[in-house]
Each structure stands twice: as structure tokens, then as C-alpha cells.
Protein backbone atom coordinates (compact mmCIF):
# COMPACT_ATOMS: atom_id res chain seq x y z
CA MET A 1 0.00 0.00 0.00
CA THR A 2 1.44 3.34 -1.04
CA GLN A 3 0.87 6.23 1.32
CA ARG A 4 0.91 9.74 -0.08
CA PRO A 5 3.14 12.29 1.63
CA LEU A 6 1.88 15.01 3.92
CA THR A 7 2.29 18.26 1.98
CA ARG A 8 1.09 21.83 2.26
CA SER A 9 -2.11 22.47 0.33
CA ASP A 10 -2.95 24.89 -2.44
CA ASN A 11 -6.21 25.40 -0.51
CA ARG A 12 -4.59 27.90 1.82
CA TRP A 13 -5.29 30.93 3.93
CA LEU A 14 -1.75 31.44 5.20
CA ALA A 15 0.76 28.70 4.43
CA GLY A 16 -1.46 25.72 3.58
CA VAL A 17 -0.65 23.74 6.73
CA CYS A 18 -4.23 23.12 7.91
CA GLY A 19 -5.38 22.55 4.32
CA GLY A 20 -2.61 19.98 3.85
CA ILE A 21 -3.55 18.17 7.05
CA ALA A 22 -7.20 18.16 5.96
CA ASP A 23 -6.30 16.79 2.51
CA TYR A 24 -4.13 14.06 4.03
CA PHE A 25 -6.85 12.79 6.38
CA GLY A 26 -9.81 13.53 4.07
CA TRP A 27 -11.29 16.15 6.39
CA SER A 28 -12.91 19.48 5.64
CA ALA A 29 -10.30 22.25 5.42
CA GLY A 30 -12.60 24.77 7.10
CA LEU A 31 -13.34 22.50 10.04
CA THR A 32 -9.65 21.64 10.39
CA ARG A 33 -8.78 25.35 10.56
CA LEU A 34 -11.56 26.00 13.06
CA GLY A 35 -10.44 23.08 15.24
CA TYR A 36 -6.82 24.22 15.15
CA ILE A 37 -7.80 27.75 16.16
CA LEU A 38 -10.04 26.52 18.98
CA ILE A 39 -7.37 24.17 20.32
CA SER A 40 -4.80 26.97 20.14
CA ILE A 41 -7.01 29.44 22.01
CA LEU A 42 -8.56 27.13 24.59
CA SER A 43 -5.46 25.17 25.55
CA ALA A 44 -2.74 26.88 27.53
CA GLY A 45 -0.45 23.89 26.91
CA PHE A 46 -0.67 24.01 23.09
CA PRO A 47 1.53 26.72 21.56
CA GLY A 48 -0.51 27.04 18.35
CA ILE A 49 1.46 29.72 16.54
CA LEU A 50 4.81 28.06 17.22
CA VAL A 51 3.55 24.63 16.09
CA TYR A 52 2.06 26.19 12.93
CA ILE A 53 5.37 27.88 12.05
CA VAL A 54 7.31 24.65 12.62
CA LEU A 55 4.86 22.71 10.43
CA TRP A 56 5.15 25.42 7.76
CA LEU A 57 8.93 24.95 7.72
CA VAL A 58 8.88 21.13 7.88
CA MET A 59 6.02 20.26 5.51
CA PRO A 60 7.08 20.29 1.85
CA ALA A 61 5.07 22.23 -0.71
CA ARG A 62 2.88 20.20 -3.02
CA ALA A 63 4.57 19.47 -6.35
CA SER A 64 3.00 21.24 -9.31
CA ALA A 65 1.18 18.93 -11.67
């Protein structure tokens, strides 16, 4: 079974991180963004902005078709 790589999405608001995660798992991009924002705001132990920046740097961009 071939697994596709986790990449940043073209369906982006900022860097495509949440859109890429949504594409990878087959979720709605809007709900993924909303969930990420809620987790970031409501959890003192989840440094949302820092994690987003790290994912932005680590996740490769999607290859152009």
C-alpha cells in the first residue's frame, strides 16, 4: 500500500498547513482550521502559533502537476 506524503495544500489561507492536514486525512479544510484555532485558544499547553510555524517549515510544498 502506497501512502501519499503530507504536503502543504494549495487550498490555503496562510501557508497551507491546515489545508494539507485536511487533505491528508480527508477532512474538511474549514473544520480543520476551526479546530486548530479553537485548540490553540482554549489550551494553555498548546503553543498554536509556534507549532504552525514549525509545520510550515517542515512540511514540503505540493509538487505542481
